[in-house]
Structure formats: structure tokens, C-alpha cells
Amino acid sequence: MASNEEKPAAVALTTAAVVAADKEKKSSWKDSIYNPRTGELLGRTASSWGLILLFYLVFYIFLAGMFALTMWVMLMTLDDYVPTYQDRVPHPGLVIIPHSLDIHVNKSDPKQYGHYIQHLETFLQRYNDTEQEKNELCPPGEFYDQEGGSMEKKACQFKRSFLSRCSGLSDTTFGYSEGEPCILLKLNRIIGLKPLGNPYINCTAKTDTPVQMQYFPREARIDKMYFPYYGKKAHESYAQPLVAVKLLLTKEDYNTELSIECRVEGCNMRNTDARDKFLGRVTFRVKVFE
């Protein structure tokens, strides 16, 4: 009988022990976040958190200062007018305007070729005679060297009127309404470039029958007086020399896609690099519809 009376008491003690253990666990979990007895938050007191935040504040201020100092030292080594290092290729690429390698022209539909005309007209604005008369009249056939002196360099005139029938002055459609479109070509700018020889542009059609072409300026030459180029900031008024080629197409050439290749000839500029088809040359396609 005595043993039977002890069983409820033992069960009661066990239950009390379990409840006490659960309370202790819950209290321990809460204390790990915030302990009201010690005032610790996540295991650290307010002074400890303050010291850690102060350390990282000083650390990141130091890093920011080091970064700013490094940038300032680097910028002090740069020249505003001449790049310290040039990673461009030593030979220029050849570019056409309008910027399209596939030119399709329906001569009877002005809306169809209107965007080509707009592109040419916008591009040639800086070549207007009134703008170019602000530049220098340079002696042809000679490099226009301006080493030393002022960092602001002068530019030689290249007037829009030099392009004659492809200037858009006498024919505002640049020949597109007649089925004889004009294409402008220019070399990419390279600082300090002085080509050896007398560069000119030569275009050929990859067809069985030759395609008649007319060049402006005459002989498609790029005069030496437009070299060297001194950079965008030093040479703000510089305008690259242009060569215009007018395709004198006939009815036999209409409705046929013509592949035209233009190259820089007569100088040391590379135009046969198999890895870069735009280095000193460009190939585009023209198709004219009646």
C-alpha cells in the first residue's frame, strides 16, 4: 500500500522537473537574444557593440581614404590632352556614311530612302562652309604639325562644297532620287598618325561587269594637311577629311545587289588584315530598285 501511495508523488515530482526544465530552456533561448539581467544583446553589452561599430567605422573610413588617395595619384599622372597609354590599333579603320552595310534604294519612293538622306545631311552639318571657314587654310601636301606651344590645336578646313555632287547642296537627295547614290567614307581618328605616302580611296564592285563611279574630291585623295590628329580635347574643331563615291548605276545594275569594296591605297596603312575586315577597308552592299 505504501508503494502505491509513493507512485503519484514520484509522477508529480517528475512532471514538475520537466516543467522547470522547459522554463529554463525558454529562458536560455530568450537570454541569448537579450539578457535583462546583464543587459546583453546577442551576447554583447552596449559598450562591446559600441567598440565594434567604432572599429568598423574607422576601418572603412581608412579604406575610403586609401581609395581616394590612389585615384588622386593616378589622375595626377594623366594628361588632359594626350593619353598616357594608347591601346588602339596603329592603323585606322574605314567607315561609311550612312552607317549601313546594306543600302537598299527604291528611287521612286522618297520615303523609303529618306532616312539615308537625313543621316547624310545631319552628318555634314559640321562641314558646312560657314563652320569650316572658322578653321585654317592649310598648305596642301604637307603635314600640319603643331608640336609645342598652345595645347589647343588648330584644324584645317574641309568644306562641304569639296564633295561637289555629293555635298547635298546642288542635289539635296544626294543622288538617291536618280538611282545614283552617294556614299561618304572616312578614316577613324588615331592620335599622332602620319601616313607615309599619299593616301587615297579606291572602290571596286565585285561584279562581272564594271560599275562606273565618280569620286569627290577628285582622285579620292586624303591630303596630308589633315594629319596628325591631336585628340578630342586639343583638336575640338577638327573634322575628318571625307571622300565621297557616287555610284553611276545604269538600268542594267538595278534590281541587283552590288557588293562594293573600298580600300585605302597609296600609303602604309594596312588594308589586307584577314582578322579585321574593317582595317583600312570596308565592304558594303547596294541594291537600287526602279
C-alpha atoms as a PDB file:
ATOM      1  CA  MET A   1       0.000   0.000   0.000  1.00  0.00           C
ATOM      2  CA  ALA A   2       2.868   2.316   0.806  1.00  0.00           C
ATOM      3  CA  SER A   3       4.436   1.727  -2.583  1.00  0.00           C
ATOM      4  CA  ASN A   4       1.175   2.604  -4.310  1.00  0.00           C
ATOM      5  CA  GLU A   5       0.973   5.920  -2.466  1.00  0.00           C
ATOM      6  CA  GLU A   6       4.553   6.829  -3.479  1.00  0.00           C
ATOM      7  CA  LYS A   7       3.797   6.488  -7.216  1.00  0.00           C
ATOM      8  CA  PRO A   8       1.641   9.654  -7.591  1.00  0.00           C
ATOM      9  CA  ALA A   9       4.195  11.644  -5.659  1.00  0.00           C
ATOM     10  CA  ALA A  10       7.014  10.465  -7.932  1.00  0.00           C
ATOM     11  CA  VAL A  11       4.961  11.302 -11.021  1.00  0.00           C
ATOM     12  CA  ALA A  12       4.251  14.768  -9.645  1.00  0.00           C
ATOM     13  CA  LEU A  13       7.945  15.373  -8.983  1.00  0.00           C
ATOM     14  CA  THR A  14       8.856  14.209 -12.479  1.00  0.00           C
ATOM     15  CA  THR A  15       6.263  16.499 -14.064  1.00  0.00           C
ATOM     16  CA  ALA A  16       7.490  19.458 -12.021  1.00  0.00           C
ATOM     17  CA  ALA A  17      11.048  18.711 -13.096  1.00  0.00           C
ATOM     18  CA  VAL A  18      10.055  18.629 -16.772  1.00  0.00           C
ATOM     19  CA  VAL A  19       8.162  21.919 -16.495  1.00  0.00           C
ATOM     20  CA  ALA A  20      11.111  23.522 -14.758  1.00  0.00           C
ATOM     21  CA  ALA A  21      13.470  22.258 -17.469  1.00  0.00           C
ATOM     22  CA  ASP A  22      11.199  23.666 -20.209  1.00  0.00           C
ATOM     23  CA  LYS A  23      11.089  27.039 -18.489  1.00  0.00           C
ATOM     24  CA  GLU A  24      14.848  27.009 -18.185  1.00  0.00           C
ATOM     25  CA  LYS A  25      15.253  26.222 -21.912  1.00  0.00           C
ATOM     26  CA  LYS A  26      12.870  29.009 -22.939  1.00  0.00           C
ATOM     27  CA  SER A  27      14.611  31.420 -20.634  1.00  0.00           C
ATOM     28  CA  SER A  28      18.001  30.379 -22.019  1.00  0.00           C
ATOM     29  CA  TRP A  29      16.832  30.922 -25.655  1.00  0.00           C
ATOM     30  CA  LYS A  30      15.449  34.381 -24.844  1.00  0.00           C
ATOM     31  CA  ASP A  31      18.563  35.300 -22.918  1.00  0.00           C
ATOM     32  CA  SER A  32      20.692  34.521 -25.984  1.00  0.00           C
ATOM     33  CA  ILE A  33      18.919  37.401 -27.760  1.00  0.00           C
ATOM     34  CA  TYR A  34      18.536  39.767 -24.873  1.00  0.00           C
ATOM     35  CA  ASN A  35      19.505  39.105 -21.276  1.00  0.00           C
ATOM     36  CA  PRO A  36      17.704  41.557 -18.961  1.00  0.00           C
ATOM     37  CA  ARG A  37      19.900  40.583 -16.015  1.00  0.00           C
ATOM     38  CA  THR A  38      23.181  41.577 -17.705  1.00  0.00           C
ATOM     39  CA  GLY A  39      21.800  43.924 -20.381  1.00  0.00           C
ATOM     40  CA  GLU A  40      23.493  41.902 -23.172  1.00  0.00           C
ATOM     41  CA  LEU A  41      22.122  41.938 -26.713  1.00  0.00           C
ATOM     42  CA  LEU A  42      23.112  38.937 -28.820  1.00  0.00           C
ATOM     43  CA  GLY A  43      25.755  38.086 -26.286  1.00  0.00           C
ATOM     44  CA  ARG A  44      27.375  41.556 -26.158  1.00  0.00           C
ATOM     45  CA  THR A  45      26.924  44.519 -23.893  1.00  0.00           C
ATOM     46  CA  ALA A  46      26.265  48.033 -25.200  1.00  0.00           C
ATOM     47  CA  SER A  47      29.903  49.059 -24.672  1.00  0.00           C
ATOM     48  CA  SER A  48      31.088  45.979 -26.581  1.00  0.00           C
ATOM     49  CA  TRP A  49      28.781  46.783 -29.531  1.00  0.00           C
ATOM     50  CA  GLY A  50      29.951  50.393 -29.447  1.00  0.00           C
ATOM     51  CA  LEU A  51      33.611  49.370 -29.682  1.00  0.00           C
ATOM     52  CA  ILE A  52      32.892  47.030 -32.617  1.00  0.00           C
ATOM     53  CA  LEU A  53      30.942  49.696 -34.522  1.00  0.00           C
ATOM     54  CA  LEU A  54      33.684  52.238 -33.857  1.00  0.00           C
ATOM     55  CA  PHE A  55      36.316  49.811 -35.172  1.00  0.00           C
ATOM     56  CA  TYR A  56      34.456  49.170 -38.450  1.00  0.00           C
ATOM     57  CA  LEU A  57      33.704  52.878 -38.860  1.00  0.00           C
ATOM     58  CA  VAL A  58      37.397  53.742 -38.580  1.00  0.00           C
ATOM     59  CA  PHE A  59      38.326  50.767 -40.782  1.00  0.00           C
ATOM     60  CA  TYR A  60      36.008  51.741 -43.653  1.00  0.00           C
ATOM     61  CA  ILE A  61      36.960  55.411 -43.411  1.00  0.00           C
ATOM     62  CA  PHE A  62      40.579  54.293 -43.778  1.00  0.00           C
ATOM     63  CA  LEU A  63      39.730  52.164 -46.836  1.00  0.00           C
ATOM     64  CA  ALA A  64      37.804  55.042 -48.436  1.00  0.00           C
ATOM     65  CA  GLY A  65      40.729  57.363 -47.778  1.00  0.00           C
ATOM     66  CA  MET A  66      43.177  54.900 -49.345  1.00  0.00           C
ATOM     67  CA  PHE A  67      40.948  54.552 -52.422  1.00  0.00           C
ATOM     68  CA  ALA A  68      40.602  58.342 -52.789  1.00  0.00           C
ATOM     69  CA  LEU A  69      44.370  58.805 -52.408  1.00  0.00           C
ATOM     70  CA  THR A  70      45.066  56.116 -55.025  1.00  0.00           C
ATOM     71  CA  MET A  71      42.637  57.692 -57.503  1.00  0.00           C
ATOM     72  CA  TRP A  72      44.140  61.145 -56.903  1.00  0.00           C
ATOM     73  CA  VAL A  73      47.688  59.870 -57.519  1.00  0.00           C
ATOM     74  CA  MET A  74      46.565  58.083 -60.693  1.00  0.00           C
ATOM     75  CA  LEU A  75      44.723  61.145 -62.023  1.00  0.00           C
ATOM     76  CA  MET A  76      47.808  63.276 -61.390  1.00  0.00           C
ATOM     77  CA  THR A  77      49.717  61.098 -63.869  1.00  0.00           C
ATOM     78  CA  LEU A  78      47.158  61.651 -66.671  1.00  0.00           C
ATOM     79  CA  ASP A  79      47.314  64.364 -69.300  1.00  0.00           C
ATOM     80  CA  ASP A  80      44.068  66.110 -70.229  1.00  0.00           C
ATOM     81  CA  TYR A  81      45.155  66.375 -73.854  1.00  0.00           C
ATOM     82  CA  VAL A  82      47.353  63.363 -74.642  1.00  0.00           C
ATOM     83  CA  PRO A  83      46.582  59.819 -73.414  1.00  0.00           C
ATOM     84  CA  THR A  84      49.386  58.288 -71.377  1.00  0.00           C
ATOM     85  CA  TYR A  85      48.782  54.889 -72.940  1.00  0.00           C
ATOM     86  CA  GLN A  86      47.176  54.108 -76.287  1.00  0.00           C
ATOM     87  CA  ASP A  87      45.790  50.636 -76.833  1.00  0.00           C
ATOM     88  CA  ARG A  88      44.243  51.355 -80.221  1.00  0.00           C
ATOM     89  CA  VAL A  89      45.499  49.690 -83.380  1.00  0.00           C
ATOM     90  CA  PRO A  90      48.159  51.734 -85.219  1.00  0.00           C
ATOM     91  CA  HIS A  91      46.179  51.663 -88.466  1.00  0.00           C
ATOM     92  CA  PRO A  92      42.742  53.259 -88.912  1.00  0.00           C
ATOM     93  CA  GLY A  93      39.544  51.590 -89.951  1.00  0.00           C
ATOM     94  CA  LEU A  94      37.387  52.801 -92.821  1.00  0.00           C
ATOM     95  CA  VAL A  95      33.782  53.839 -92.153  1.00  0.00           C
ATOM     96  CA  ILE A  96      30.901  54.666 -94.488  1.00  0.00           C
ATOM     97  CA  ILE A  97      28.035  57.113 -94.103  1.00  0.00           C
ATOM     98  CA  PRO A  98      25.173  56.306 -93.980  1.00  0.00           C
ATOM     99  CA  HIS A  99      26.070  53.748 -91.315  1.00  0.00           C
ATOM    100  CA  SER A 100      24.616  50.729 -93.055  1.00  0.00           C
ATOM    101  CA  LEU A 101      26.363  47.887 -94.837  1.00  0.00           C
ATOM    102  CA  ASP A 102      23.160  47.057 -96.724  1.00  0.00           C
ATOM    103  CA  ILE A 103      21.767  50.018 -98.636  1.00  0.00           C
ATOM    104  CA  HIS A 104      18.501  49.426-100.461  1.00  0.00           C
ATOM    105  CA  VAL A 105      17.096  52.291-102.519  1.00  0.00           C
ATOM    106  CA  ASN A 106      13.733  52.497-104.254  1.00  0.00           C
ATOM    107  CA  LYS A 107      14.305  55.573-106.416  1.00  0.00           C
ATOM    108  CA  SER A 108      10.564  56.096-106.949  1.00  0.00           C
ATOM    109  CA  ASP A 109       9.762  56.123-103.214  1.00  0.00           C
ATOM    110  CA  PRO A 110      11.329  59.093-101.365  1.00  0.00           C
ATOM    111  CA  LYS A 111      10.026  57.841 -98.004  1.00  0.00           C
ATOM    112  CA  GLN A 112      11.949  54.593 -98.431  1.00  0.00           C
ATOM    113  CA  TYR A 113      15.363  56.252 -98.854  1.00  0.00           C
ATOM    114  CA  GLY A 114      14.569  59.353 -96.813  1.00  0.00           C
ATOM    115  CA  HIS A 115      16.433  58.114 -93.724  1.00  0.00           C
ATOM    116  CA  TYR A 116      19.649  57.807 -95.736  1.00  0.00           C
ATOM    117  CA  ILE A 117      19.329  61.441 -96.836  1.00  0.00           C
ATOM    118  CA  GLN A 118      18.596  62.571 -93.275  1.00  0.00           C
ATOM    119  CA  HIS A 119      21.644  60.707 -91.982  1.00  0.00           C
ATOM    120  CA  LEU A 120      23.931  62.268 -94.593  1.00  0.00           C
ATOM    121  CA  GLU A 121      22.516  65.747 -94.028  1.00  0.00           C
ATOM    122  CA  THR A 122      22.914  65.525 -90.248  1.00  0.00           C
ATOM    123  CA  PHE A 123      26.454  64.224 -90.534  1.00  0.00           C
ATOM    124  CA  LEU A 124      27.524  67.006 -92.912  1.00  0.00           C
ATOM    125  CA  GLN A 125      26.287  69.857 -90.726  1.00  0.00           C
ATOM    126  CA  ARG A 126      29.699  70.403 -89.148  1.00  0.00           C
ATOM    127  CA  TYR A 127      31.206  70.515 -92.651  1.00  0.00           C
ATOM    128  CA  ASN A 128      29.079  73.485 -93.707  1.00  0.00           C
ATOM    129  CA  ASP A 129      31.209  76.177 -95.298  1.00  0.00           C
ATOM    130  CA  THR A 130      30.200  78.712 -92.644  1.00  0.00           C
ATOM    131  CA  GLU A 131      31.510  76.379 -89.933  1.00  0.00           C
ATOM    132  CA  GLN A 132      34.696  75.365 -91.722  1.00  0.00           C
ATOM    133  CA  GLU A 133      35.671  78.949 -92.536  1.00  0.00           C
ATOM    134  CA  LYS A 134      36.492  79.283 -88.826  1.00  0.00           C
ATOM    135  CA  ASN A 135      39.334  76.810 -89.373  1.00  0.00           C
ATOM    136  CA  GLU A 136      42.698  77.341 -91.034  1.00  0.00           C
ATOM    137  CA  LEU A 137      43.598  77.445 -94.719  1.00  0.00           C
ATOM    138  CA  CYS A 138      46.465  74.964 -94.715  1.00  0.00           C
ATOM    139  CA  PRO A 139      49.043  74.380 -97.462  1.00  0.00           C
ATOM    140  CA  PRO A 140      48.175  71.118 -99.239  1.00  0.00           C
ATOM    141  CA  GLY A 141      50.576  68.200 -99.401  1.00  0.00           C
ATOM    142  CA  GLU A 142      52.207  68.890 -96.016  1.00  0.00           C
ATOM    143  CA  PHE A 143      51.603  67.595 -92.514  1.00  0.00           C
ATOM    144  CA  TYR A 144      50.150  70.276 -90.250  1.00  0.00           C
ATOM    145  CA  ASP A 145      52.482  69.791 -87.289  1.00  0.00           C
ATOM    146  CA  GLN A 146      51.661  71.824 -84.173  1.00  0.00           C
ATOM    147  CA  GLU A 147      54.051  70.390 -81.624  1.00  0.00           C
ATOM    148  CA  GLY A 148      54.739  72.660 -78.663  1.00  0.00           C
ATOM    149  CA  GLY A 149      53.051  75.941 -77.967  1.00  0.00           C
ATOM    150  CA  SER A 150      49.395  76.040 -77.009  1.00  0.00           C
ATOM    151  CA  MET A 151      47.621  72.799 -76.180  1.00  0.00           C
ATOM    152  CA  GLU A 152      44.637  73.999 -78.202  1.00  0.00           C
ATOM    153  CA  LYS A 153      45.328  72.901 -81.782  1.00  0.00           C
ATOM    154  CA  LYS A 154      44.029  74.442 -84.977  1.00  0.00           C
ATOM    155  CA  ALA A 155      42.252  72.435 -87.665  1.00  0.00           C
ATOM    156  CA  CYS A 156      42.416  72.626 -91.436  1.00  0.00           C
ATOM    157  CA  GLN A 157      39.324  73.432 -93.447  1.00  0.00           C
ATOM    158  CA  PHE A 158      37.359  70.673 -95.114  1.00  0.00           C
ATOM    159  CA  LYS A 159      34.336  72.328 -96.622  1.00  0.00           C
ATOM    160  CA  ARG A 160      31.194  70.506 -97.548  1.00  0.00           C
ATOM    161  CA  SER A 161      31.406  72.026-101.001  1.00  0.00           C
ATOM    162  CA  PHE A 162      34.565  69.969-101.630  1.00  0.00           C
ATOM    163  CA  LEU A 163      32.227  66.992-102.149  1.00  0.00           C
ATOM    164  CA  SER A 164      30.609  68.669-105.175  1.00  0.00           C
ATOM    165  CA  ARG A 165      27.746  66.488-106.493  1.00  0.00           C
ATOM    166  CA  CYS A 166      27.732  64.519-103.218  1.00  0.00           C
ATOM    167  CA  SER A 167      27.637  67.579-100.953  1.00  0.00           C
ATOM    168  CA  GLY A 168      23.850  67.731-100.796  1.00  0.00           C
ATOM    169  CA  LEU A 169      23.982  71.390-101.853  1.00  0.00           C
ATOM    170  CA  SER A 170      23.133  71.171-105.553  1.00  0.00           C
ATOM    171  CA  ASP A 171      21.251  67.875-105.157  1.00  0.00           C
ATOM    172  CA  THR A 172      19.518  67.639-101.801  1.00  0.00           C
ATOM    173  CA  THR A 173      18.787  63.905-102.316  1.00  0.00           C
ATOM    174  CA  PHE A 174      22.499  63.019-102.715  1.00  0.00           C
ATOM    175  CA  GLY A 175      21.683  61.214-105.965  1.00  0.00           C
ATOM    176  CA  TYR A 176      19.254  58.746-104.371  1.00  0.00           C
ATOM    177  CA  SER A 177      16.289  60.064-106.364  1.00  0.00           C
ATOM    178  CA  GLU A 178      18.222  59.405-109.581  1.00  0.00           C
ATOM    179  CA  GLY A 179      19.362  55.924-108.621  1.00  0.00           C
ATOM    180  CA  GLU A 180      22.968  57.152-108.309  1.00  0.00           C
ATOM    181  CA  PRO A 181      23.515  57.146-104.533  1.00  0.00           C
ATOM    182  CA  CYS A 182      26.425  58.887-102.844  1.00  0.00           C
ATOM    183  CA  ILE A 183      28.398  57.124-100.124  1.00  0.00           C
ATOM    184  CA  LEU A 184      30.771  59.013 -97.820  1.00  0.00           C
ATOM    185  CA  LEU A 185      33.927  57.398 -96.478  1.00  0.00           C
ATOM    186  CA  LYS A 186      36.132  58.492 -93.612  1.00  0.00           C
ATOM    187  CA  LEU A 187      39.080  57.129 -91.665  1.00  0.00           C
ATOM    188  CA  ASN A 188      38.852  56.586 -87.928  1.00  0.00           C
ATOM    189  CA  ARG A 189      40.844  59.076 -85.886  1.00  0.00           C
ATOM    190  CA  ILE A 190      44.196  57.976 -84.486  1.00  0.00           C
ATOM    191  CA  ILE A 191      46.234  60.427 -82.420  1.00  0.00           C
ATOM    192  CA  GLY A 192      49.596  61.257 -83.974  1.00  0.00           C
ATOM    193  CA  LEU A 193      49.055  59.286 -87.179  1.00  0.00           C
ATOM    194  CA  LYS A 194      51.237  60.402 -90.102  1.00  0.00           C
ATOM    195  CA  PRO A 195      50.692  58.147 -93.105  1.00  0.00           C
ATOM    196  CA  LEU A 196      53.681  57.511 -95.339  1.00  0.00           C
ATOM    197  CA  GLY A 197      52.832  58.148 -98.965  1.00  0.00           C
ATOM    198  CA  ASN A 198      49.772  59.784-100.484  1.00  0.00           C
ATOM    199  CA  PRO A 199      46.629  58.030 -99.257  1.00  0.00           C
ATOM    200  CA  TYR A 200      43.580  57.775-101.465  1.00  0.00           C
ATOM    201  CA  ILE A 201      40.396  55.704-101.584  1.00  0.00           C
ATOM    202  CA  ASN A 202      39.813  53.109-104.270  1.00  0.00           C
ATOM    203  CA  CYS A 203      36.456  51.345-104.625  1.00  0.00           C
ATOM    204  CA  THR A 204      35.676  48.325-106.786  1.00  0.00           C
ATOM    205  CA  ALA A 205      32.489  46.382-107.456  1.00  0.00           C
ATOM    206  CA  LYS A 206      32.630  42.617-107.134  1.00  0.00           C
ATOM    207  CA  THR A 207      30.645  42.014-110.310  1.00  0.00           C
ATOM    208  CA  ASP A 208      31.295  40.562-113.753  1.00  0.00           C
ATOM    209  CA  THR A 209      30.714  43.950-115.362  1.00  0.00           C
ATOM    210  CA  PRO A 210      32.421  47.105-114.016  1.00  0.00           C
ATOM    211  CA  VAL A 211      30.356  49.741-112.226  1.00  0.00           C
ATOM    212  CA  GLN A 212      31.078  53.362-113.046  1.00  0.00           C
ATOM    213  CA  MET A 213      31.960  55.565-110.067  1.00  0.00           C
ATOM    214  CA  GLN A 214      32.836  59.184-109.504  1.00  0.00           C
ATOM    215  CA  TYR A 215      34.943  60.430-106.588  1.00  0.00           C
ATOM    216  CA  PHE A 216      34.906  63.719-104.684  1.00  0.00           C
ATOM    217  CA  PRO A 217      37.302  65.366-104.044  1.00  0.00           C
ATOM    218  CA  ARG A 218      38.924  64.487-107.337  1.00  0.00           C
ATOM    219  CA  GLU A 219      41.120  61.398-107.377  1.00  0.00           C
ATOM    220  CA  ALA A 220      39.699  60.484-103.948  1.00  0.00           C
ATOM    221  CA  ARG A 221      42.837  61.724-102.222  1.00  0.00           C
ATOM    222  CA  ILE A 222      43.145  62.362 -98.483  1.00  0.00           C
ATOM    223  CA  ASP A 223      45.528  65.268 -98.133  1.00  0.00           C
ATOM    224  CA  LYS A 224      48.392  65.151 -95.635  1.00  0.00           C
ATOM    225  CA  MET A 225      47.405  68.515 -94.182  1.00  0.00           C
ATOM    226  CA  TYR A 226      44.678  66.752 -92.145  1.00  0.00           C
ATOM    227  CA  PHE A 227      47.346  64.840 -90.214  1.00  0.00           C
ATOM    228  CA  PRO A 228      48.324  64.477 -87.439  1.00  0.00           C
ATOM    229  CA  TYR A 229      45.286  64.459 -85.171  1.00  0.00           C
ATOM    230  CA  TYR A 230      45.923  65.664 -81.599  1.00  0.00           C
ATOM    231  CA  GLY A 231      42.935  64.326 -79.686  1.00  0.00           C
ATOM    232  CA  LYS A 232      39.341  65.287 -79.000  1.00  0.00           C
ATOM    233  CA  LYS A 233      40.062  67.962 -76.389  1.00  0.00           C
ATOM    234  CA  ALA A 234      43.072  69.570 -78.094  1.00  0.00           C
ATOM    235  CA  HIS A 235      41.519  69.376 -81.570  1.00  0.00           C
ATOM    236  CA  GLU A 236      37.915  70.324 -80.828  1.00  0.00           C
ATOM    237  CA  SER A 237      37.220  71.858 -84.249  1.00  0.00           C
ATOM    238  CA  TYR A 238      38.878  69.022 -86.179  1.00  0.00           C
ATOM    239  CA  ALA A 239      36.741  67.463 -88.902  1.00  0.00           C
ATOM    240  CA  GLN A 240      37.968  64.290 -90.561  1.00  0.00           C
ATOM    241  CA  PRO A 241      38.604  64.525 -94.307  1.00  0.00           C
ATOM    242  CA  LEU A 242      35.966  62.765 -96.375  1.00  0.00           C
ATOM    243  CA  VAL A 243      35.855  61.020 -99.695  1.00  0.00           C
ATOM    244  CA  ALA A 244      32.528  60.679-101.493  1.00  0.00           C
ATOM    245  CA  VAL A 245      31.899  57.992-104.092  1.00  0.00           C
ATOM    246  CA  LYS A 246      28.928  58.382-106.404  1.00  0.00           C
ATOM    247  CA  LEU A 247      27.710  55.139-107.946  1.00  0.00           C
ATOM    248  CA  LEU A 248      26.767  55.887-111.561  1.00  0.00           C
ATOM    249  CA  LEU A 249      24.389  52.985-111.912  1.00  0.00           C
ATOM    250  CA  THR A 250      22.520  52.155-115.090  1.00  0.00           C
ATOM    251  CA  LYS A 251      19.254  50.273-115.607  1.00  0.00           C
ATOM    252  CA  GLU A 252      21.278  47.091-116.098  1.00  0.00           C
ATOM    253  CA  ASP A 253      22.534  47.495-112.496  1.00  0.00           C
ATOM    254  CA  TYR A 254      19.059  47.921-110.997  1.00  0.00           C
ATOM    255  CA  ASN A 255      17.378  45.129-109.001  1.00  0.00           C
ATOM    256  CA  THR A 256      20.766  43.512-108.458  1.00  0.00           C
ATOM    257  CA  GLU A 257      22.672  43.509-105.191  1.00  0.00           C
ATOM    258  CA  LEU A 258      26.103  45.003-105.825  1.00  0.00           C
ATOM    259  CA  SER A 259      28.957  44.329-103.441  1.00  0.00           C
ATOM    260  CA  ILE A 260      31.328  47.300-103.238  1.00  0.00           C
ATOM    261  CA  GLU A 261      34.716  47.172-101.531  1.00  0.00           C
ATOM    262  CA  CYS A 262      36.635  50.366-100.736  1.00  0.00           C
ATOM    263  CA  ARG A 263      40.262  50.412 -99.589  1.00  0.00           C
ATOM    264  CA  VAL A 264      42.840  52.947 -98.514  1.00  0.00           C
ATOM    265  CA  GLU A 265      45.665  52.800-101.056  1.00  0.00           C
ATOM    266  CA  GLY A 266      48.902  54.634-101.771  1.00  0.00           C
ATOM    267  CA  CYS A 267      50.320  54.627 -98.243  1.00  0.00           C
ATOM    268  CA  ASN A 268      51.487  52.402 -95.405  1.00  0.00           C
ATOM    269  CA  MET A 269      48.007  51.947 -93.894  1.00  0.00           C
ATOM    270  CA  ARG A 270      47.120  48.266 -93.682  1.00  0.00           C
ATOM    271  CA  ASN A 271      44.125  47.069 -95.677  1.00  0.00           C
ATOM    272  CA  THR A 272      44.656  43.307 -96.019  1.00  0.00           C
ATOM    273  CA  ASP A 273      44.332  42.052 -92.438  1.00  0.00           C
ATOM    274  CA  ALA A 274      42.279  38.849 -92.596  1.00  0.00           C
ATOM    275  CA  ARG A 275      41.343  39.177 -88.902  1.00  0.00           C
ATOM    276  CA  ASP A 276      39.847  42.669 -89.266  1.00  0.00           C
ATOM    277  CA  LYS A 277      37.790  43.310 -92.385  1.00  0.00           C
ATOM    278  CA  PHE A 278      37.321  46.993 -91.470  1.00  0.00           C
ATOM    279  CA  LEU A 279      41.025  47.817 -91.075  1.00  0.00           C
ATOM    280  CA  GLY A 280      41.790  50.166 -93.950  1.00  0.00           C
ATOM    281  CA  ARG A 281      38.851  48.824 -95.937  1.00  0.00           C
ATOM    282  CA  VAL A 282      35.086  48.353 -95.873  1.00  0.00           C
ATOM    283  CA  THR A 283      32.670  46.253 -97.890  1.00  0.00           C
ATOM    284  CA  PHE A 284      29.013  47.181 -98.307  1.00  0.00           C
ATOM    285  CA  ARG A 285      26.105  46.156-100.500  1.00  0.00           C
ATOM    286  CA  VAL A 286      23.864  48.388-102.615  1.00  0.00           C
ATOM    287  CA  LYS A 287      20.627  47.490-104.359  1.00  0.00           C
ATOM    288  CA  VAL A 288      18.608  50.026-106.325  1.00  0.00           C
ATOM    289  CA  PHE A 289      15.008  49.467-107.432  1.00  0.00           C
ATOM    290  CA  GLU A 290      13.155  51.468-110.064  1.00  0.00           C
END
